[in-house]
Protein backbone atom coordinates (compact mmCIF):
# COMPACT_ATOMS: atom_id res chain seq x y z
CA MET A 1 -37.57 -4.03 -18.49
CA PHE A 2 -36.95 -0.61 -19.06
CA ILE A 3 -36.44 -1.16 -22.46
CA ILE A 4 -39.77 -3.36 -22.57
CA PHE A 5 -41.30 -0.33 -21.57
CA ALA A 6 -40.05 1.92 -24.05
CA PHE A 7 -40.85 -0.68 -26.89
CA ILE A 8 -44.38 -0.70 -25.48
CA ILE A 9 -44.71 3.19 -25.45
CA LEU A 10 -43.60 3.44 -28.67
CA ALA A 11 -45.33 0.94 -30.03
CA LEU A 12 -48.76 2.53 -28.58
CA SER A 13 -47.13 6.15 -30.14
CA VAL A 14 -47.20 4.12 -33.50
CA GLY A 15 -50.54 2.81 -32.63
CA ALA A 16 -52.47 6.40 -32.19
CA SER A 17 -50.87 7.34 -34.85
CA MET A 18 -52.04 4.96 -36.96
CA ILE A 19 -55.86 5.06 -35.76
CA ASN A 20 -55.90 8.88 -36.30
CA ARG A 21 -55.13 8.54 -40.02
CA ALA A 22 -57.35 5.29 -40.18
CA LEU A 23 -60.17 6.68 -38.47
CA GLN A 24 -59.73 10.66 -40.10
CA MET A 25 -62.19 11.71 -36.87
CA PRO A 26 -61.81 15.38 -36.66
CA THR A 27 -63.06 15.82 -32.80
CA PHE A 28 -60.48 12.78 -31.52
CA GLU A 29 -57.19 13.98 -33.72
CA PRO A 30 -56.17 16.25 -31.63
CA ILE A 31 -56.41 14.09 -28.54
CA LEU A 32 -54.48 11.26 -30.65
CA GLU A 33 -51.88 13.23 -32.00
CA LYS A 34 -50.82 14.75 -28.79
CA ALA A 35 -50.95 11.31 -27.30
CA SER A 36 -48.71 10.01 -30.38
CA PHE A 37 -46.27 12.91 -29.69
CA TRP A 38 -46.27 12.26 -25.76
CA LEU A 39 -46.18 8.42 -25.84
CA MET A 40 -42.83 9.17 -28.71
CA ILE A 41 -41.36 11.58 -26.10
CA ALA A 42 -41.90 9.24 -23.20
CA SER A 43 -40.55 6.26 -25.27
CA ALA A 44 -37.44 8.53 -26.36
CA ALA A 45 -36.56 9.21 -23.00
CA LEU A 46 -36.84 5.75 -21.56
CA PHE A 47 -34.54 4.39 -24.51
CA ALA A 48 -32.38 7.65 -23.55
CA MET A 49 -32.23 6.55 -20.09
CA VAL A 50 -31.69 2.93 -21.05
CA ILE A 51 -28.46 3.94 -23.20
CA LEU A 52 -27.13 6.33 -20.54
CA GLY A 53 -27.31 3.89 -17.87
CA TYR A 54 -25.50 1.09 -19.72
CA LEU A 55 -22.48 4.05 -20.93
CA LEU A 56 -22.48 5.17 -16.89
CA SER A 57 -22.88 1.39 -15.71
CA HIS A 58 -19.26 0.58 -17.39
CA ARG A 59 -17.67 3.73 -16.52
CA ILE A 60 -17.81 5.83 -20.02
CA TYR A 61 -16.81 8.80 -17.61
CA ARG A 62 -13.66 7.49 -17.37
CA GLY A 63 -13.05 7.91 -21.39
CA PHE A 64 -14.11 5.22 -24.06
CA ARG A 65 -10.79 3.39 -23.40
CA TYR A 66 -11.82 2.69 -20.13
CA PHE A 67 -15.49 2.02 -21.42
CA TRP A 68 -14.00 -0.55 -23.83
CA HIS A 69 -12.37 -2.50 -21.43
CA TYR A 70 -14.83 -3.09 -18.91
CA ARG A 71 -17.29 -3.63 -21.16
CA SER A 72 -15.41 -6.66 -22.64
CA VAL A 73 -14.39 -7.67 -19.52
CA LYS A 74 -17.41 -7.85 -17.60
CA SER A 75 -19.63 -9.06 -20.50
CA SER A 76 -17.05 -12.27 -21.12
CA LEU A 77 -17.21 -13.14 -17.57
CA GLU A 78 -21.27 -12.84 -17.34
CA HIS A 79 -21.43 -15.24 -19.80
CA GLN A 80 -19.19 -17.73 -18.57
CA MET A 81 -20.77 -17.37 -14.88
CA ILE A 82 -23.53 -18.17 -16.21
CA ASP A 83 -22.11 -21.32 -18.55
CA GLY A 84 -20.40 -22.31 -15.01
CA GLY A 85 -23.37 -22.34 -13.10
CA PHE A 86 -22.95 -19.20 -11.29
CA GLY A 87 -26.17 -18.06 -11.58
CA ILE A 88 -29.21 -18.27 -9.34
CA GLN A 89 -32.43 -18.69 -11.13
CA ARG A 90 -34.74 -16.60 -10.16
CA SER A 91 -38.83 -16.02 -11.19
CA TYR A 92 -38.03 -14.27 -14.16
CA TYR A 93 -33.85 -13.66 -14.55
CA ILE A 94 -31.01 -15.32 -13.46
CA GLU A 95 -29.34 -13.42 -11.02
CA LEU A 96 -24.99 -13.33 -11.14
CA PRO A 97 -23.15 -12.48 -8.13
CA LYS A 98 -22.18 -8.88 -8.11
CA ILE A 99 -19.01 -7.85 -10.15
CA LYS A 100 -17.03 -4.68 -9.52
CA LEU A 101 -13.99 -3.98 -11.50
CA SER A 102 -11.19 -1.32 -11.88
CA PHE A 103 -8.78 -0.63 -14.29
CA ASN A 104 -5.36 1.06 -13.88
CA LYS A 105 -4.42 3.82 -15.34
CA ASP A 106 -2.33 1.72 -18.30
CA PHE A 107 -4.60 -0.72 -18.05
CA MET A 108 -1.69 -3.46 -17.81
CA SER A 109 -3.86 -4.72 -14.39
CA GLY A 110 -6.49 -4.28 -12.64
CA THR A 111 -8.83 -5.61 -9.34
CA LEU A 112 -11.83 -7.57 -10.14
CA ILE A 113 -14.20 -7.87 -6.69
CA VAL A 114 -17.10 -10.69 -6.45
CA LYS A 115 -19.90 -11.22 -4.06
CA ASP A 116 -19.19 -14.46 -2.21
CA SER A 117 -22.51 -16.39 -1.11
CA ILE A 118 -22.75 -19.86 0.52
CA LYS A 119 -23.51 -21.24 -2.63
CA PHE A 120 -20.78 -20.04 -4.75
CA ASP A 121 -17.72 -20.05 -1.58
CA ASN A 122 -15.61 -23.44 -2.98
CA LYS A 123 -16.26 -22.44 -6.35
CA LEU A 124 -15.16 -18.81 -6.50
CA ASP A 125 -11.85 -20.08 -4.79
CA ASN A 126 -11.12 -23.09 -7.54
CA ALA A 127 -13.03 -21.10 -10.66
CA ALA A 128 -10.42 -20.89 -13.15
CA ILE A 129 -11.11 -16.63 -13.15
CA SER A 130 -8.31 -15.45 -15.57
CA ALA A 131 -10.36 -17.85 -18.71
CA ALA A 132 -13.04 -15.03 -18.25
CA LEU A 133 -10.57 -12.18 -18.41
CA GLY A 134 -9.48 -12.16 -22.00
CA LYS A 135 -6.10 -10.99 -21.92
CA PHE A 136 -5.72 -10.77 -18.72
CA TYR A 137 -5.18 -13.21 -15.84
CA VAL A 138 -5.59 -13.60 -12.52
CA GLU A 139 -2.04 -13.07 -10.38
CA ARG A 140 -3.35 -13.25 -6.85
CA LYS A 141 -6.68 -13.75 -5.00
CA TYR A 142 -7.96 -13.65 -1.72
CA GLN A 143 -11.20 -13.07 0.40
CA THR A 144 -11.75 -9.40 2.36
CA ASP A 145 -11.27 -9.67 5.78
CA ASP A 146 -15.50 -10.04 6.65
CA GLY A 147 -15.25 -13.46 4.01
CA ASN A 148 -17.99 -11.32 1.99
CA PHE A 149 -16.28 -10.94 -1.01
CA TRP A 150 -13.14 -12.58 -3.34
CA ILE A 151 -11.17 -10.38 -4.56
CA TYR A 152 -8.94 -11.14 -8.18
CA GLU A 153 -5.77 -9.39 -8.92
CA PHE A 154 -4.99 -9.58 -12.53
CA LEU A 155 -2.59 -8.64 -15.08
CA ASP A 156 -1.90 -8.27 -18.59
CA GLY A 157 -0.16 -11.35 -19.60
CA SER A 158 1.22 -10.01 -23.05
CA ILE A 159 2.85 -7.31 -20.48
CA SER A 160 6.68 -7.86 -19.70
CA PHE A 161 8.46 -6.92 -16.75
CA LYS A 162 11.66 -7.87 -17.50
CA GLN A 163 14.70 -5.01 -17.85
CA THR A 164 17.32 -4.84 -20.31
CA PHE A 165 20.82 -3.38 -19.25
CA ASN A 166 22.60 -3.09 -23.06
CA SER A 167 26.01 -1.43 -21.01
CA PHE A 168 27.11 -1.34 -17.12
CA GLY A 169 26.51 2.50 -17.42
CA ASP A 170 22.70 1.40 -17.73
CA PHE A 171 22.70 -0.37 -15.02
CA LEU A 172 24.19 1.72 -12.89
CA LYS A 173 21.22 4.48 -13.91
CA TYR A 174 18.40 2.48 -12.69
CA SER A 175 20.33 1.19 -9.54
CA ASN A 176 20.59 4.40 -8.47
CA THR A 177 17.36 5.16 -8.57
CA ILE A 178 16.65 2.73 -6.10
CA PRO A 179 16.70 3.12 -2.05
CA PRO A 180 20.51 1.85 -0.60
CA TYR A 181 18.86 -0.64 1.54
CA THR A 182 16.21 -1.76 -1.12
CA LEU A 183 16.94 -3.96 -4.28
CA PHE A 184 14.77 -4.03 -7.29
CA LEU A 185 13.76 -7.74 -8.45
CA ASP A 186 12.53 -6.16 -11.80
CA ARG A 187 10.72 -3.25 -13.12
CA ARG A 188 7.76 -2.89 -11.02
CA SER A 189 9.02 -4.95 -7.76
CA ALA A 190 11.57 -3.63 -5.08
CA VAL A 191 11.99 -5.07 -1.62
CA LYS A 192 13.91 -3.98 1.48
CA LEU A 193 17.12 -6.11 1.70
CA GLN A 194 16.15 -9.06 3.80
CA HIS A 195 16.51 -13.13 4.23
CA SER A 196 16.80 -14.40 0.85
CA LEU A 197 15.89 -17.55 -0.76
CA VAL A 198 16.42 -18.14 -3.90
CA VAL A 199 15.77 -21.73 -5.91
CA GLY A 200 15.93 -22.28 -9.83
CA LEU A 201 17.39 -25.53 -11.60
CA THR A 202 19.96 -24.76 -14.51
CA GLY A 203 19.00 -22.65 -17.30
CA SER A 204 15.93 -20.92 -14.79
CA GLY A 205 18.16 -17.40 -14.92
CA LYS A 206 19.10 -18.17 -11.11
CA THR A 207 22.82 -17.25 -11.70
CA TYR A 208 22.19 -13.96 -13.63
CA LYS A 209 19.41 -13.24 -10.64
CA ILE A 210 22.26 -13.09 -8.63
CA TYR A 211 24.51 -11.16 -10.21
CA ASN A 212 21.69 -8.38 -10.51
CA PHE A 213 21.60 -8.67 -6.29
CA LEU A 214 25.16 -8.16 -6.67
CA LEU A 215 25.67 -5.28 -8.76
CA GLN A 216 22.89 -3.57 -6.89
CA MET A 217 25.17 -3.86 -3.14
CA LEU A 218 28.16 -3.30 -4.78
CA ASN A 219 27.10 0.12 -6.10
CA LYS A 220 24.80 1.74 -3.64
CA ASN A 221 25.57 4.48 -1.30
CA VAL A 222 26.46 2.80 2.04
CA ARG A 223 28.95 -0.14 1.62
CA TYR A 224 27.90 -3.64 1.58
CA GLU A 225 29.76 -6.20 3.21
CA LEU A 226 29.66 -9.50 1.14
CA PHE A 227 30.52 -13.03 2.25
CA PHE A 228 30.49 -15.73 0.02
CA ALA A 229 30.20 -19.03 0.46
CA ASP A 230 30.41 -21.38 -2.59
CA PRO A 231 30.76 -25.43 -1.67
CA LYS A 232 31.38 -26.29 -5.45
CA GLY A 233 33.82 -23.66 -5.89
CA SER A 234 31.74 -22.53 -9.58
CA SER A 235 31.02 -19.22 -10.36
CA LEU A 236 30.40 -17.59 -7.13
CA ALA A 237 33.64 -18.43 -5.98
CA VAL A 238 35.07 -17.07 -8.65
CA ILE A 239 33.17 -13.31 -8.10
CA GLY A 240 34.00 -13.57 -4.31
CA SER A 241 37.52 -13.64 -5.11
CA ILE A 242 37.21 -10.74 -6.73
CA ILE A 243 35.00 -9.09 -4.60
CA ALA A 244 36.70 -10.03 -1.02
CA GLU A 245 39.00 -12.95 -1.64
CA ASP A 246 39.07 -13.14 2.28
CA ARG A 247 35.93 -13.59 3.01
CA THR A 248 34.89 -16.22 0.46
CA ALA A 249 35.10 -20.11 1.74
CA VAL A 250 34.43 -23.29 -0.56
CA ASP A 251 34.82 -26.22 1.77
CA ILE A 252 32.74 -27.30 4.77
CA ASN A 253 35.33 -26.77 7.07
CA SER A 254 36.26 -23.21 5.94
CA ILE A 255 32.15 -22.04 5.21
CA VAL A 256 31.56 -23.06 8.82
CA GLN A 257 34.45 -21.25 9.98
CA LEU A 258 33.12 -17.75 7.57
CA LEU A 259 29.57 -18.14 9.36
CA ASP A 260 31.45 -18.16 12.55
CA GLU A 261 33.27 -14.48 11.75
CA PHE A 262 29.80 -13.60 10.05
CA VAL A 263 28.17 -14.27 13.75
CA CYS A 264 30.83 -12.43 15.68
CA LEU A 265 30.53 -9.20 13.94
CA MET A 266 26.91 -9.31 14.15
CA TRP A 267 27.06 -10.01 17.88
CA ALA A 268 29.41 -6.45 18.02
CA ARG A 269 27.05 -4.70 16.32
CA LYS A 270 24.43 -5.96 18.47
CA ASN A 271 26.19 -4.49 21.30
CA GLU A 272 26.61 -0.98 19.07
CA LEU A 273 23.39 -0.64 18.35
CA ARG A 274 21.85 -1.46 21.62
CA GLU A 275 23.57 1.77 23.04
CA ARG A 276 21.77 3.85 19.82
CA LEU A 277 18.24 2.11 20.34
CA LYS A 278 18.76 4.13 23.60
CA VAL A 279 17.76 7.37 21.39
CA LYS A 280 15.25 5.72 19.10
CA VAL A 281 13.39 2.43 20.02
CA ASP A 282 12.09 -0.14 17.82
CA ALA A 283 14.77 1.21 15.21
CA ASP A 284 16.80 -1.16 12.83
CA TYR A 285 20.50 -0.75 11.46
CA SER A 286 18.80 1.21 8.52
CA ASP A 287 17.75 4.13 10.43
CA PHE A 288 21.85 4.88 11.52
CA GLY A 289 23.30 4.38 8.50
CA MET A 290 24.96 1.07 8.92
CA ASN A 291 26.53 -1.14 6.54
CA PRO A 292 24.34 -3.75 5.83
CA CYS A 293 26.30 -7.42 5.77
CA VAL A 294 25.07 -10.30 3.68
CA PHE A 295 25.95 -13.81 3.36
CA ILE A 296 25.54 -15.21 0.41
CA PHE A 297 25.34 -18.79 0.42
CA ASP A 298 25.54 -20.74 -3.20
CA GLU A 299 24.96 -24.17 -3.81
CA TYR A 300 23.58 -24.70 0.01
CA ALA A 301 21.54 -28.24 -1.22
CA SER A 302 25.03 -29.44 -1.65
CA TYR A 303 26.72 -27.85 1.60
CA ALA A 304 23.28 -29.00 3.51
CA SER A 305 24.23 -32.80 1.38
CA THR A 306 27.83 -32.95 2.74
CA LEU A 307 27.35 -31.63 6.01
CA ALA A 308 25.12 -34.92 6.96
CA SER A 309 28.03 -36.83 6.57
CA LYS A 310 30.43 -35.01 9.42
CA GLU A 311 30.54 -35.58 12.97
CA LYS A 312 27.35 -34.16 14.91
CA ALA A 313 29.55 -31.64 16.76
CA VAL A 314 30.02 -29.80 13.45
CA ARG A 315 26.51 -29.99 12.12
CA ASP A 316 24.80 -28.97 15.30
CA LYS A 317 27.72 -25.87 15.13
CA ALA A 318 27.03 -24.96 11.59
CA LYS A 319 23.09 -25.40 12.09
CA ALA A 320 23.64 -23.15 15.32
CA LEU A 321 25.24 -20.39 13.51
CA LEU A 322 22.78 -20.02 10.83
CA TYR A 323 19.92 -20.28 12.89
CA GLU A 324 21.31 -17.58 14.90
CA ILE A 325 21.89 -15.31 11.70
CA ILE A 326 18.15 -16.23 10.57
CA LEU A 327 16.47 -14.97 13.79
CA GLN A 328 18.12 -12.04 14.94
CA GLY A 329 20.12 -10.63 11.91
CA ARG A 330 17.09 -8.58 10.50
CA GLN A 331 17.46 -5.97 13.01
CA LEU A 332 20.83 -5.82 12.92
CA GLY A 333 21.51 -5.95 9.56
CA PHE A 334 23.18 -9.07 8.96
CA PHE A 335 21.39 -11.24 6.30
CA VAL A 336 21.84 -14.55 4.60
CA MET A 337 20.63 -15.40 0.65
CA LEU A 338 20.57 -18.66 0.14
CA ILE A 339 20.71 -20.29 -3.26
CA MET A 340 19.39 -23.79 -4.33
CA GLN A 341 18.73 -25.89 -7.61
CA LYS A 342 15.48 -27.27 -5.70
CA SER A 343 14.37 -27.15 -2.30
CA ASP A 344 13.50 -29.97 -0.63
CA ALA A 345 12.34 -30.27 3.35
CA THR A 346 15.51 -32.50 3.23
CA LEU A 347 17.84 -29.75 2.71
CA ILE A 348 16.28 -26.80 4.06
CA ASP A 349 14.71 -26.83 7.83
CA THR A 350 11.57 -25.74 8.37
CA ALA A 351 12.37 -22.87 10.92
CA ILE A 352 14.69 -21.61 8.68
CA ARG A 353 12.65 -21.90 5.79
CA ASP A 354 9.46 -19.67 7.69
CA ASN A 355 11.73 -17.24 9.22
CA ILE A 356 13.31 -16.46 5.60
CA PRO A 357 10.43 -13.41 4.01
CA LEU A 358 12.05 -13.08 0.44
CA LYS A 359 11.55 -16.84 -1.47
CA ILE A 360 12.28 -16.48 -5.29
CA VAL A 361 11.57 -19.84 -7.76
CA LEU A 362 12.70 -19.21 -11.22
CA GLY A 363 11.83 -21.62 -14.15
CA ASN A 364 9.53 -24.22 -14.19
CA SER A 365 10.22 -25.85 -11.16
CA GLU A 366 8.77 -29.66 -9.74
CA GLN A 367 5.50 -29.26 -7.54
CA GLN A 368 7.50 -30.09 -4.33
CA THR A 369 9.92 -27.05 -4.63
CA TYR A 370 7.28 -25.07 -4.65
CA VAL A 371 5.41 -26.26 -1.86
CA THR A 372 8.89 -26.68 0.45
CA ALA A 373 9.67 -22.90 -0.85
CA PHE A 374 6.60 -21.41 0.00
CA GLY A 375 4.72 -23.73 2.11
CA ALA A 376 1.39 -25.97 1.66
CA GLY A 377 -1.77 -24.99 -0.15
CA ILE A 378 -0.04 -22.17 -2.21
CA ASP A 379 -1.30 -21.12 -5.59
CA ILE A 380 1.13 -20.69 -8.42
CA PRO A 381 0.26 -18.94 -11.50
CA ASN A 382 -0.40 -21.47 -14.36
CA ARG A 383 1.54 -20.41 -17.03
CA HIS A 384 5.45 -21.06 -18.69
CA TYR A 385 7.99 -19.89 -17.30
CA LEU A 386 10.86 -18.47 -19.42
CA VAL A 387 14.71 -17.77 -18.48
CA GLY A 388 14.71 -15.54 -16.01
CA GLU A 389 10.73 -15.54 -15.13
CA GLY A 390 9.42 -17.09 -11.89
CA VAL A 391 7.76 -15.99 -8.90
CA PHE A 392 8.36 -14.72 -5.24
CA THR A 393 6.78 -14.18 -1.91
CA GLU A 394 7.38 -10.99 0.23
CA PRO A 395 5.06 -10.27 3.40
CA ILE A 396 4.50 -6.73 2.30
CA LEU A 397 4.76 -6.76 -1.47
CA ALA A 398 3.60 -10.34 -2.37
CA PRO A 399 2.05 -12.45 0.13
CA THR A 400 1.25 -15.15 -2.43
CA PRO A 401 3.26 -16.09 -5.02
CA LYS A 402 3.80 -12.86 -7.31
CA LEU A 403 5.25 -12.75 -11.13
CA LEU A 404 9.03 -11.86 -11.69
CA GLN A 405 10.94 -11.37 -14.71
CA ALA A 406 14.73 -11.16 -13.76
CA PRO A 407 16.44 -8.34 -15.64
CA TYR A 408 18.74 -9.38 -18.05
CA PHE A 409 22.11 -8.36 -18.95
CA GLY A 410 23.70 -7.34 -22.56
CA PHE A 411 27.30 -6.54 -21.10
CA ASP A 412 30.12 -8.47 -19.24
CA ILE A 413 29.69 -9.36 -15.51
CA LEU A 414 33.64 -9.62 -14.70
CA GLN A 415 34.33 -6.06 -16.18
CA ALA A 416 31.51 -4.88 -14.35
CA LEU A 417 32.56 -6.21 -11.22
CA HIS A 418 36.03 -4.57 -11.70
CA HIS A 419 34.87 -1.05 -13.09
CA SER A 420 32.57 -0.68 -9.84
CA PRO A 421 32.38 2.39 -8.10
CA ARG A 422 32.32 1.01 -5.07
CA GLY A 423 32.17 -1.79 -3.03
CA VAL A 424 35.60 -4.19 -4.00
CA THR A 425 37.87 -5.41 -1.42
CA THR A 426 40.88 -7.83 -1.72
CA GLY A 427 42.39 -9.18 1.17
CA ALA A 428 44.31 -13.03 1.90
CA PRO A 429 42.83 -15.58 0.53
CA LYS A 430 40.60 -18.02 2.91
CA LYS A 431 41.77 -21.25 3.65
């Protein structure tokens, strides 16, 4: 509207000047000259206001680069919203939902906020917003607590968060920057040690993700007590024999026995922690500098399938032991890491899954795997996942699935285990 008014006033100014030249009447010449001058000033002022308003509305005060990103994304979004039927036809114009964009400092990610309405609620939930964001894609979406806005967190699809460690020294240098009770997942994500579920088909990068966790645990400035169960006796059993041979089990009976030993240690910790909690309520093991204990359970699906054929007493005991760790281990510093090729409701109980905070699915898995791992009704970022890539959820950092790119190791893992400054123990082999 301001532009239209500016053009009208400009036309009047030009018209006054032309009339003055055409009539050549001395009586009206001063009046027409002044009218033409002030109409030209008014027109220029309106044009300046329009340009300034446009620049300010597209955040020019944050720099030209910010202005360019904001203008490009918003313009694309508005056009595609009109094409997608998100506009409301008013008398002389189309009203779009209110939009607010923001980018982080390096323009690798940002947030889009869209005003909700009765007409657009379901459409905003299901809209392919990523298609309108250029090089960005929506990683997470949710409504505000009052239900008035949809928030879309987007990420630059061309950016990689994968870390490459060409030497064990490089890995140690970075790992030492991470707090002792925290594990990093990739360059942008780190989580506090907790129960974990790691799922990935062969070739998804799952094994190296576990190596990443192991190397971190072995090289913290607090000692991690590690226990290993590998019913197939594969690579984790080999690594377990290097790190803690007396705490490595490969057959069903020895795994159940190792779980029993783990739970006994947990109850001993509970008695010790109970006394300390008298001086610091609501604390946990990490507040007192206690060593965490982690039971790393590879090929859990194979274990669950084999366990199903055992007598009921063995099945009940194994299930009860795992439940005790899952339900009571967090405060005590006793954790389970379950590793599977694919998750299935027949192999992992819902009660166990729901009490595991950190869930990771690597590679391009079946829909059932995502449902079993994360629950029904969860949106998975629709993209092709390369080796080491996937999604994860964690109650604080990622309530809905978030992209994960596991690090790449350019050094020999076994040599790194033998040369770890801390953590490697030996003992009698586990029968």
